[in-house]
Amino acid sequence: MNQIDESNHVARKSFWADAPLRTSRRGQFWVTAERVTIEGQAYQRGPMFVAWEAPEHVTQPLPIVLVHGGTFQGTEWLDTPDGRPGWAQRLLESGYAVFIVDRPGHGRSPYHPDVIGPTGPPFPYARAKQVYFSDDAAAAQTQWPFAEADSAAFDAFMAGYGPMPADLAASQVMDADRLARLLDRIGPSIVVTHSASGPDGWLLGDRRPGLVAAIVAIEPMGPPFSATPGIGALDWGLTAAPVTFDPPRASAAEVRAADPSALRIPALAGLPVAVVTGETSGFAPFGPAIVEFLVNAGAAAEQLRLTDHGVFGNGHGLIYEKNLPRCGDVRAAEYRGRDVADAGLLMLAGEFLGEGDRDRRCDDVDDARARLTQDIGREQHLADRPVVRQHREDDVRPEGVARRRHHLKAVLVVAGPRAVPCADLMPGLGERRPAVSWSPWVTPAR
């Protein structure tokens, strides 16, 4: 037996020793897929891995589903390239049950080209630099967490990238089908997408209008009818896969030829959507055209430009960047408009004030909180209404739109993810919204 030479052993502190302890429930499961027969043998095509975590006491009425970007995996929501906790933990700390998926053929969701189809091109370092921290944006992009010369950090960031199906339309169909069946299992949810998963949000809204409560699209793929190198083309407007227009469109060519104002998507009527864009991102200019398309489709869509709320220096990877709040007891007043969370808070205050005041800016977060709390008192009846109705026609009425938008506002408070717990921002909201019975991992706070 080999003996350890303790004289040459240097005591080293375990890297997990300083990590904060937290109590939560967690688990994982599969959204299974159809069987296909190849040369007389049955295989499962494109199952989707789902990891979930919920705090000891869930205080928010809706779970959040986090959908990662193209060629990546669900780990992008767990931490940042420089080791800070990511959006998933921030949302968990704010009282949400969180579901993180690995889209079919990504991450822990297995990929075999004989079953799913050929892979697209690999994601090279040069393309990552172009997308996330290009030389053209270097002067203004102050929030990216590592320098190109930091090869260890760059390697760690790139390690999560893998294959993606070459057929973008088929990949989106798989994504939307598995995500729809996930919502069938967990109930009405807020869906947060990033980059190339943006189209999955629109397709999911089309498939499950009664279960998608709101969509927060972070730097979504666009603009309409465009093509993204290495990923594919949005032949149906904002998606590569078909969606249900009214009147019906038989082909992508027919959609492209149509008057954009006539491209209604009934299932998206009244659906609250926030399209979030950073200052230096090459995807930010797509925002207005994406929002216009969604508004024409019938959605209650808006672009959240971080610069409009005093948040500067962010790029396409804003979910990883340095102005994400750090661990600990974070208070909104400490940031005063300098991080993504405050942008969501300021947007909330503007929306509750109504159309006439929406362009009015708050001087700081304290003012935003005071104004928002006052207006929530006047709008308390909204919190007592059901989260979402099963019949979409009910949501095209103004009261239906207002009800659904109310719930999007709640998640935008933590869309940075969090600046302040919802209970602190909205006194009494937890009492007015008991835990929902369809989620076995949700328990009322004691």
Protein backbone atom coordinates (compact mmCIF):
# COMPACT_ATOMS: atom_id res chain seq x y z
CA MET A 1 0.00 0.00 0.00
CA ASN A 2 1.34 3.39 -0.93
CA GLN A 3 1.81 5.76 1.97
CA ILE A 4 1.05 9.46 1.71
CA ASP A 5 4.14 11.52 2.38
CA GLU A 6 2.65 14.12 4.68
CA SER A 7 5.93 15.97 4.91
CA ASN A 8 5.62 16.94 1.26
CA HIS A 9 1.90 17.56 1.46
CA VAL A 10 0.88 21.21 1.40
CA ALA A 11 -2.40 21.82 3.19
CA ARG A 12 -4.86 23.33 0.79
CA LYS A 13 -8.22 24.79 1.65
CA SER A 14 -11.07 23.10 -0.17
CA PHE A 15 -12.47 25.39 -2.86
CA TRP A 16 -16.00 24.80 -1.62
CA ALA A 17 -15.26 25.88 1.93
CA ASP A 18 -16.28 29.51 1.35
CA ALA A 19 -19.32 28.76 -0.78
CA PRO A 20 -22.52 29.89 0.96
CA LEU A 21 -24.73 27.17 2.38
CA ARG A 22 -28.29 27.07 1.18
CA THR A 23 -31.29 24.88 1.81
CA SER A 24 -33.33 23.86 -1.19
CA ARG A 25 -35.12 21.01 -2.88
CA ARG A 26 -33.66 19.75 -6.12
CA GLY A 27 -34.02 16.97 -8.62
CA GLN A 28 -33.97 16.06 -12.28
CA PHE A 29 -36.03 14.18 -14.79
CA TRP A 30 -36.36 13.53 -18.50
CA VAL A 31 -38.93 14.76 -20.94
CA THR A 32 -38.94 11.68 -23.09
CA ALA A 33 -39.22 11.63 -26.86
CA GLU A 34 -40.66 9.58 -29.67
CA ARG A 35 -39.15 6.27 -30.73
CA VAL A 36 -37.77 5.98 -34.24
CA THR A 37 -36.82 2.83 -36.10
CA ILE A 38 -33.49 2.70 -37.92
CA GLU A 39 -32.47 -0.51 -39.68
CA GLY A 40 -34.93 -2.50 -37.64
CA GLN A 41 -33.84 -1.10 -34.25
CA ALA A 42 -35.81 1.29 -32.05
CA TYR A 43 -34.17 4.45 -30.67
CA GLN A 44 -35.38 7.47 -28.73
CA ARG A 45 -34.97 10.70 -30.67
CA GLY A 46 -34.09 13.83 -28.77
CA PRO A 47 -35.17 13.51 -25.12
CA MET A 48 -34.69 16.62 -22.96
CA PHE A 49 -32.90 16.66 -19.61
CA VAL A 50 -34.44 18.90 -16.93
CA ALA A 51 -32.84 19.90 -13.62
CA TRP A 52 -35.00 21.72 -11.09
CA GLU A 53 -34.39 23.45 -7.80
CA ALA A 54 -36.73 25.21 -5.41
CA PRO A 55 -36.05 27.12 -2.19
CA GLU A 56 -37.21 25.73 1.11
CA HIS A 57 -40.15 28.12 0.98
CA VAL A 58 -41.33 29.07 -2.50
CA THR A 59 -42.77 32.57 -2.33
CA GLN A 60 -43.42 33.22 -6.03
CA PRO A 61 -46.57 31.84 -7.66
CA LEU A 62 -45.00 30.80 -10.97
CA PRO A 63 -41.91 28.71 -11.71
CA ILE A 64 -39.30 29.96 -14.16
CA VAL A 65 -38.00 27.86 -17.05
CA LEU A 66 -34.48 28.81 -18.21
CA VAL A 67 -33.66 27.88 -21.83
CA HIS A 68 -30.03 28.16 -22.91
CA GLY A 69 -28.62 29.49 -26.17
CA GLY A 70 -27.34 27.77 -29.29
CA THR A 71 -24.63 25.06 -29.11
CA PHE A 72 -24.42 25.61 -25.34
CA GLN A 73 -26.21 23.93 -22.41
CA GLY A 74 -28.16 24.67 -19.26
CA THR A 75 -24.98 25.27 -17.26
CA GLU A 76 -24.91 28.83 -18.63
CA TRP A 77 -27.52 29.74 -16.00
CA LEU A 78 -25.60 28.21 -13.08
CA ASP A 79 -22.56 30.43 -12.79
CA THR A 80 -20.45 33.00 -14.63
CA PRO A 81 -17.12 32.48 -16.39
CA ASP A 82 -15.33 34.05 -13.42
CA GLY A 83 -17.06 31.79 -10.88
CA ARG A 84 -19.90 33.93 -9.51
CA PRO A 85 -23.39 32.47 -8.99
CA GLY A 86 -25.58 32.80 -12.06
CA TRP A 87 -29.18 33.66 -12.76
CA ALA A 88 -30.53 30.33 -11.55
CA GLN A 89 -29.27 30.87 -8.00
CA ARG A 90 -30.42 34.50 -7.93
CA LEU A 91 -33.92 33.49 -8.97
CA LEU A 92 -33.89 30.69 -6.41
CA GLU A 93 -32.89 33.16 -3.71
CA SER A 94 -35.81 35.34 -4.76
CA GLY A 95 -38.30 32.57 -4.05
CA TYR A 96 -38.80 30.97 -7.46
CA ALA A 97 -38.84 27.31 -8.36
CA VAL A 98 -36.39 27.13 -11.27
CA PHE A 99 -36.22 24.62 -14.13
CA ILE A 100 -33.08 24.44 -16.29
CA VAL A 101 -33.25 22.47 -19.49
CA ASP A 102 -30.63 21.01 -21.80
CA ARG A 103 -32.29 21.37 -25.17
CA PRO A 104 -32.47 18.14 -27.24
CA GLY A 105 -29.02 17.32 -28.57
CA HIS A 106 -27.29 19.72 -26.15
CA GLY A 107 -25.47 19.16 -22.86
CA ARG A 108 -26.83 16.15 -20.99
CA SER A 109 -29.50 15.55 -23.64
CA PRO A 110 -27.78 12.95 -25.82
CA TYR A 111 -26.91 13.50 -29.45
CA HIS A 112 -26.25 10.86 -32.06
CA PRO A 113 -26.31 12.04 -35.69
CA ASP A 114 -27.80 8.76 -36.90
CA VAL A 115 -30.87 9.45 -34.75
CA ILE A 116 -31.21 13.24 -34.59
CA GLY A 117 -29.49 14.17 -37.85
CA PRO A 118 -26.21 15.77 -38.91
CA THR A 119 -24.51 18.27 -36.62
CA GLY A 120 -23.86 21.86 -37.52
CA PRO A 121 -20.37 23.37 -37.48
CA PRO A 122 -18.44 23.59 -34.21
CA PHE A 123 -18.34 26.91 -32.33
CA PRO A 124 -14.79 28.29 -32.63
CA TYR A 125 -13.00 30.66 -30.26
CA ALA A 126 -12.91 33.39 -32.91
CA ARG A 127 -16.70 33.28 -33.28
CA ALA A 128 -17.14 33.41 -29.51
CA LYS A 129 -14.97 36.51 -29.34
CA GLN A 130 -16.93 38.12 -32.16
CA VAL A 131 -20.27 37.41 -30.48
CA TYR A 132 -19.41 38.11 -26.84
CA PHE A 133 -16.53 40.62 -26.67
CA SER A 134 -15.50 41.82 -30.10
CA ASP A 135 -12.69 44.29 -30.71
CA ASP A 136 -15.19 46.73 -32.22
CA ALA A 137 -17.06 46.91 -28.91
CA ALA A 138 -14.02 46.79 -26.63
CA ALA A 139 -14.06 50.45 -25.64
CA ALA A 140 -17.70 50.43 -24.52
CA GLN A 141 -18.03 46.85 -23.27
CA THR A 142 -16.83 47.25 -19.72
CA GLN A 143 -18.69 44.34 -18.10
CA TRP A 144 -17.28 41.22 -19.79
CA PRO A 145 -15.74 39.15 -16.96
CA PHE A 146 -12.39 38.14 -18.48
CA ALA A 147 -9.79 39.32 -20.96
CA GLU A 148 -9.02 37.44 -24.15
CA ALA A 149 -5.50 36.94 -22.87
CA ASP A 150 -6.83 35.00 -19.88
CA SER A 151 -6.64 31.66 -21.64
CA ALA A 152 -7.73 29.64 -18.61
CA ALA A 153 -10.96 31.63 -18.27
CA PHE A 154 -11.58 31.54 -22.02
CA ASP A 155 -11.04 27.77 -22.06
CA ALA A 156 -13.46 27.31 -19.17
CA PHE A 157 -16.07 29.40 -20.97
CA MET A 158 -15.71 27.48 -24.23
CA ALA A 159 -15.75 24.05 -22.56
CA GLY A 160 -19.55 24.02 -22.42
CA TYR A 161 -20.04 24.41 -26.15
CA GLY A 162 -20.91 21.35 -28.20
CA PRO A 163 -22.85 20.15 -31.23
CA MET A 164 -26.14 21.52 -32.48
CA PRO A 165 -28.36 19.96 -35.16
CA ALA A 166 -27.66 21.33 -38.62
CA ASP A 167 -31.39 21.42 -39.39
CA LEU A 168 -32.50 24.44 -37.37
CA ALA A 169 -36.20 23.97 -38.11
CA ALA A 170 -36.15 20.34 -36.95
CA SER A 171 -34.18 21.33 -33.85
CA GLN A 172 -36.73 24.02 -32.96
CA VAL A 173 -39.61 21.58 -33.43
CA MET A 174 -37.94 19.19 -30.97
CA ASP A 175 -37.27 22.01 -28.52
CA ALA A 176 -40.82 23.35 -28.63
CA ASP A 177 -42.39 19.91 -28.34
CA ARG A 178 -40.32 18.93 -25.29
CA LEU A 179 -40.76 22.33 -23.65
CA ALA A 180 -44.52 22.12 -24.21
CA ARG A 181 -44.64 18.76 -22.47
CA LEU A 182 -42.52 20.17 -19.65
CA LEU A 183 -45.16 22.87 -19.09
CA ASP A 184 -47.87 20.21 -19.26
CA ARG A 185 -46.15 18.66 -16.26
CA ILE A 186 -45.28 21.74 -14.17
CA GLY A 187 -48.10 24.14 -15.09
CA PRO A 188 -48.13 27.85 -16.01
CA SER A 189 -44.59 29.25 -16.07
CA ILE A 190 -42.45 32.23 -16.96
CA VAL A 191 -40.05 31.32 -19.76
CA VAL A 192 -36.61 32.96 -20.01
CA THR A 193 -34.66 32.42 -23.24
CA HIS A 194 -31.22 33.52 -24.38
CA SER A 195 -29.89 34.12 -27.88
CA ALA A 196 -30.65 31.20 -30.24
CA SER A 197 -33.31 29.83 -27.91
CA GLY A 198 -35.37 32.98 -28.45
CA PRO A 199 -37.40 31.31 -31.23
CA ASP A 200 -38.21 28.45 -28.84
CA GLY A 201 -40.10 30.94 -26.70
CA TRP A 202 -42.30 32.08 -29.59
CA LEU A 203 -42.95 28.47 -30.65
CA LEU A 204 -43.76 27.44 -27.09
CA GLY A 205 -46.22 30.32 -26.77
CA ASP A 206 -47.86 29.14 -29.97
CA ARG A 207 -48.16 25.55 -28.68
CA ARG A 208 -49.18 26.25 -25.07
CA PRO A 209 -50.94 29.62 -24.88
CA GLY A 210 -52.58 28.72 -21.58
CA LEU A 211 -49.32 27.74 -19.90
CA VAL A 212 -46.82 30.42 -20.96
CA ALA A 213 -47.49 33.25 -18.52
CA ALA A 214 -44.76 35.54 -19.87
CA ILE A 215 -41.52 35.45 -21.86
CA VAL A 216 -38.29 37.25 -21.02
CA ALA A 217 -36.13 37.00 -24.15
CA ILE A 218 -32.50 37.89 -23.41
CA GLU A 219 -30.75 39.04 -26.60
CA PRO A 220 -32.94 36.87 -28.85
CA MET A 221 -31.97 35.65 -32.29
CA GLY A 222 -33.19 37.95 -35.06
CA PRO A 223 -34.19 40.06 -36.87
CA PRO A 224 -37.16 38.52 -38.72
CA PHE A 225 -36.27 36.43 -41.78
CA SER A 226 -32.54 36.65 -41.06
CA ALA A 227 -29.83 34.00 -41.04
CA THR A 228 -27.26 33.50 -38.26
CA PRO A 229 -23.86 32.04 -39.27
CA GLY A 230 -23.38 28.50 -38.02
CA ILE A 231 -26.98 28.21 -36.79
CA GLY A 232 -29.51 28.78 -39.57
CA ALA A 233 -32.26 30.97 -41.02
CA LEU A 234 -35.54 32.25 -39.56
CA ASP A 235 -37.65 31.40 -42.59
CA TRP A 236 -41.01 31.85 -40.79
CA GLY A 237 -40.25 35.31 -39.47
CA LEU A 238 -38.89 34.87 -35.96
CA THR A 239 -38.61 31.08 -36.20
CA ALA A 240 -37.20 28.46 -38.52
CA ALA A 241 -40.09 26.13 -37.70
CA PRO A 242 -43.71 26.82 -38.70
CA VAL A 243 -46.04 28.79 -36.43
CA THR A 244 -49.83 29.17 -36.58
CA PHE A 245 -50.80 32.42 -38.29
CA ASP A 246 -54.30 33.75 -38.81
CA PRO A 247 -55.12 33.71 -41.65
CA PRO A 248 -53.09 30.50 -42.12
CA ARG A 249 -49.84 30.59 -44.11
CA ALA A 250 -49.01 27.46 -46.04
CA SER A 251 -45.27 28.04 -46.45
CA ALA A 252 -42.36 30.16 -45.33
CA ALA A 253 -42.39 31.88 -48.71
CA GLU A 254 -46.00 32.91 -48.13
CA VAL A 255 -45.09 34.34 -44.74
CA ARG A 256 -42.24 36.34 -46.23
CA ALA A 257 -44.49 37.73 -48.95
CA ALA A 258 -47.26 38.77 -46.56
CA ASP A 259 -47.89 42.25 -45.21
CA PRO A 260 -46.07 42.20 -41.82
CA SER A 261 -49.02 43.86 -40.12
CA ALA A 262 -51.21 40.93 -41.19
CA LEU A 263 -49.03 38.23 -39.60
CA ARG A 264 -51.22 37.57 -36.57
CA ILE A 265 -50.42 34.65 -34.26
CA PRO A 266 -53.60 34.11 -32.22
CA ALA A 267 -51.88 32.12 -29.47
CA LEU A 268 -49.60 35.07 -28.69
CA ALA A 269 -52.46 37.56 -28.21
CA GLY A 270 -51.83 39.55 -25.06
CA LEU A 271 -48.76 37.52 -24.08
CA PRO A 272 -46.33 39.73 -22.10
CA VAL A 273 -42.86 39.71 -23.65
CA ALA A 274 -39.74 41.64 -22.63
CA VAL A 275 -36.93 41.68 -25.20
CA VAL A 276 -33.80 42.55 -23.19
CA THR A 277 -30.76 43.99 -25.01
CA GLY A 278 -27.33 45.23 -23.91
CA GLU A 279 -25.48 48.33 -25.01
CA THR A 280 -22.63 46.84 -27.04
CA SER A 281 -24.19 43.65 -28.37
CA GLY A 282 -24.39 42.97 -32.06
CA PHE A 283 -27.85 41.53 -31.36
CA ALA A 284 -29.19 44.75 -29.80
CA PRO A 285 -30.11 46.38 -33.15
CA PHE A 286 -32.45 43.43 -33.82
CA GLY A 287 -34.66 44.38 -30.87
CA PRO A 288 -36.98 46.92 -32.53
CA ALA A 289 -37.76 44.65 -35.49
CA ILE A 290 -38.37 41.67 -33.19
CA VAL A 291 -40.73 43.68 -31.00
CA GLU A 292 -42.55 45.07 -34.05
CA PHE A 293 -43.08 41.55 -35.38
CA LEU A 294 -44.38 40.36 -32.00
CA VAL A 295 -46.71 43.34 -31.58
CA ASN A 296 -48.11 42.74 -35.06
CA ALA A 297 -48.60 39.11 -34.03
CA GLY A 298 -50.65 40.30 -31.05
CA ALA A 299 -48.18 40.01 -28.17
CA ALA A 300 -47.78 42.69 -25.50
CA ALA A 301 -44.09 43.04 -26.33
CA GLU A 302 -41.58 45.70 -25.35
CA GLN A 303 -37.84 46.13 -25.72
CA LEU A 304 -35.93 46.63 -22.48
CA ARG A 305 -32.79 48.52 -23.51
CA LEU A 306 -30.47 48.45 -20.54
CA THR A 307 -29.00 51.81 -21.52
CA ASP A 308 -32.44 53.42 -21.12
CA HIS A 309 -32.16 52.57 -17.42
CA GLY A 310 -28.60 53.63 -16.76
CA VAL A 311 -27.09 50.17 -17.32
CA PHE A 312 -24.05 50.41 -19.58
CA GLY A 313 -21.24 48.23 -20.87
CA ASN A 314 -23.17 44.98 -21.43
CA GLY A 315 -22.93 42.76 -24.49
CA HIS A 316 -24.62 39.65 -25.84
CA GLY A 317 -23.53 37.60 -22.83
CA LEU A 318 -25.06 39.97 -20.30
CA ILE A 319 -26.23 37.01 -18.20
CA TYR A 320 -22.57 36.31 -17.37
CA GLU A 321 -21.25 39.82 -16.95
CA LYS A 322 -19.71 41.65 -14.01
CA ASN A 323 -22.70 43.80 -13.08
CA LEU A 324 -24.67 40.73 -12.14
CA PRO A 325 -25.18 41.15 -8.37
CA ARG A 326 -22.76 39.21 -6.24
CA CYS A 327 -23.51 36.76 -3.45
CA GLY A 328 -24.89 37.95 -0.16
CA ASP A 329 -27.61 40.21 1.07
CA VAL A 330 -28.11 42.36 -2.02
CA ARG A 331 -30.12 45.54 -1.73
CA ALA A 332 -31.42 47.49 -4.71
CA ALA A 333 -30.35 50.83 -3.27
CA GLU A 334 -26.70 49.73 -3.34
CA TYR A 335 -26.67 49.53 -7.11
CA ARG A 336 -28.68 52.63 -8.06
CA GLY A 337 -29.30 51.92 -11.72
CA ARG A 338 -25.95 50.29 -12.46
CA ASP A 339 -26.93 46.67 -12.96
CA VAL A 340 -29.44 44.63 -14.88
CA ALA A 341 -31.67 44.06 -11.88
CA ASP A 342 -32.27 47.77 -11.43
CA ALA A 343 -33.24 48.07 -15.07
CA GLY A 344 -36.04 45.62 -14.46
CA LEU A 345 -37.12 47.51 -11.36
CA LEU A 346 -37.22 50.83 -13.18
CA MET A 347 -39.21 49.27 -16.00
CA LEU A 348 -41.71 48.01 -13.47
CA ALA A 349 -42.26 51.43 -11.99
CA GLY A 350 -42.72 52.98 -15.42
CA GLU A 351 -45.25 50.35 -16.48
CA PHE A 352 -47.39 50.69 -13.40
CA LEU A 353 -47.54 54.45 -13.92
CA GLY A 354 -49.15 53.96 -17.31
CA GLU A 355 -48.53 55.00 -20.90
CA GLY A 356 -48.23 58.72 -20.21
CA ASP A 357 -45.44 58.32 -17.70
CA ARG A 358 -43.56 55.42 -19.23
CA ASP A 359 -40.72 57.57 -20.54
CA ARG A 360 -40.20 59.28 -17.19
CA ARG A 361 -36.99 58.06 -15.58
CA CYS A 362 -36.44 57.44 -11.90
CA ASP A 363 -33.46 59.10 -10.29
CA ASP A 364 -32.68 56.00 -8.27
CA VAL A 365 -34.05 52.70 -7.16
CA ASP A 366 -35.45 54.04 -3.90
CA ASP A 367 -37.71 56.34 -5.90
CA ALA A 368 -38.68 53.45 -8.15
CA ARG A 369 -39.61 51.28 -5.20
CA ALA A 370 -41.71 54.02 -3.59
CA ARG A 371 -43.60 54.74 -6.80
CA LEU A 372 -44.11 51.08 -7.58
CA THR A 373 -45.36 50.23 -4.09
CA GLN A 374 -47.85 53.09 -4.22
CA ASP A 375 -49.21 51.95 -7.56
CA ILE A 376 -49.39 48.32 -6.50
CA GLY A 377 -51.70 49.47 -3.72
CA ARG A 378 -54.01 51.01 -6.32
CA GLU A 379 -53.74 47.92 -8.53
CA GLN A 380 -54.14 45.33 -5.78
CA HIS A 381 -57.10 43.77 -7.54
CA LEU A 382 -54.73 42.48 -10.24
CA ALA A 383 -52.92 40.27 -7.75
CA ASP A 384 -56.15 38.57 -6.77
CA ARG A 385 -56.92 37.38 -10.28
CA PRO A 386 -55.92 34.01 -11.68
CA VAL A 387 -52.42 33.78 -13.09
CA VAL A 388 -53.61 32.82 -16.53
CA ARG A 389 -56.81 31.58 -18.09
CA GLN A 390 -56.95 28.51 -20.24
CA HIS A 391 -58.91 30.25 -22.98
CA ARG A 392 -56.81 32.66 -24.96
CA GLU A 393 -59.81 34.66 -26.12
CA ASP A 394 -60.16 35.92 -22.54
CA ASP A 395 -56.71 37.44 -22.73
CA VAL A 396 -57.29 39.67 -25.73
CA ARG A 397 -59.47 41.94 -23.58
CA PRO A 398 -57.58 44.79 -21.87
CA GLU A 399 -58.12 43.32 -18.40
CA GLY A 400 -56.62 40.02 -19.54
CA VAL A 401 -53.55 41.76 -20.93
CA ALA A 402 -53.14 43.77 -17.74
CA ARG A 403 -53.38 40.63 -15.62
CA ARG A 404 -50.72 38.80 -17.59
CA ARG A 405 -48.41 41.83 -17.74
CA HIS A 406 -48.64 42.09 -13.96
CA HIS A 407 -46.88 38.76 -13.58
CA LEU A 408 -44.14 39.67 -16.05
CA LYS A 409 -43.41 42.75 -13.95
CA ALA A 410 -42.82 40.55 -10.94
CA VAL A 411 -40.10 38.51 -12.67
CA LEU A 412 -38.40 41.54 -14.17
CA VAL A 413 -37.55 42.68 -10.68
CA VAL A 414 -35.11 39.78 -10.59
CA ALA A 415 -34.25 39.76 -14.29
CA GLY A 416 -30.72 40.80 -13.42
CA PRO A 417 -31.52 38.46 -11.76
CA ARG A 418 -32.36 39.97 -8.36
CA ALA A 419 -31.94 43.31 -6.68
CA VAL A 420 -34.45 42.88 -3.89
CA PRO A 421 -36.83 40.09 -2.84
CA CYS A 422 -40.29 40.50 -4.32
CA ALA A 423 -41.79 40.42 -0.82
CA ASP A 424 -39.73 43.51 0.10
CA LEU A 425 -40.74 45.34 -3.04
CA MET A 426 -44.41 44.36 -2.92
CA PRO A 427 -45.53 44.16 0.72
CA GLY A 428 -48.22 41.59 1.30
CA LEU A 429 -47.91 40.05 -2.14
CA GLY A 430 -46.92 36.68 -0.71
CA GLU A 431 -50.08 36.56 1.40
CA ARG A 432 -52.28 37.41 -1.56
CA ARG A 433 -50.67 34.70 -3.74
CA PRO A 434 -50.65 31.32 -1.97
CA ALA A 435 -48.49 28.51 -3.30
CA VAL A 436 -50.07 26.74 -6.22
CA SER A 437 -51.27 23.19 -5.74
CA TRP A 438 -50.08 21.78 -9.07
CA SER A 439 -46.39 22.04 -8.10
CA PRO A 440 -45.39 19.33 -5.61
CA TRP A 441 -42.11 21.12 -4.79
CA VAL A 442 -43.92 24.31 -3.73
CA THR A 443 -44.84 24.71 -0.07
CA PRO A 444 -46.39 27.70 1.69
CA ALA A 445 -43.95 29.76 3.74
CA ARG A 446 -44.35 29.25 7.46
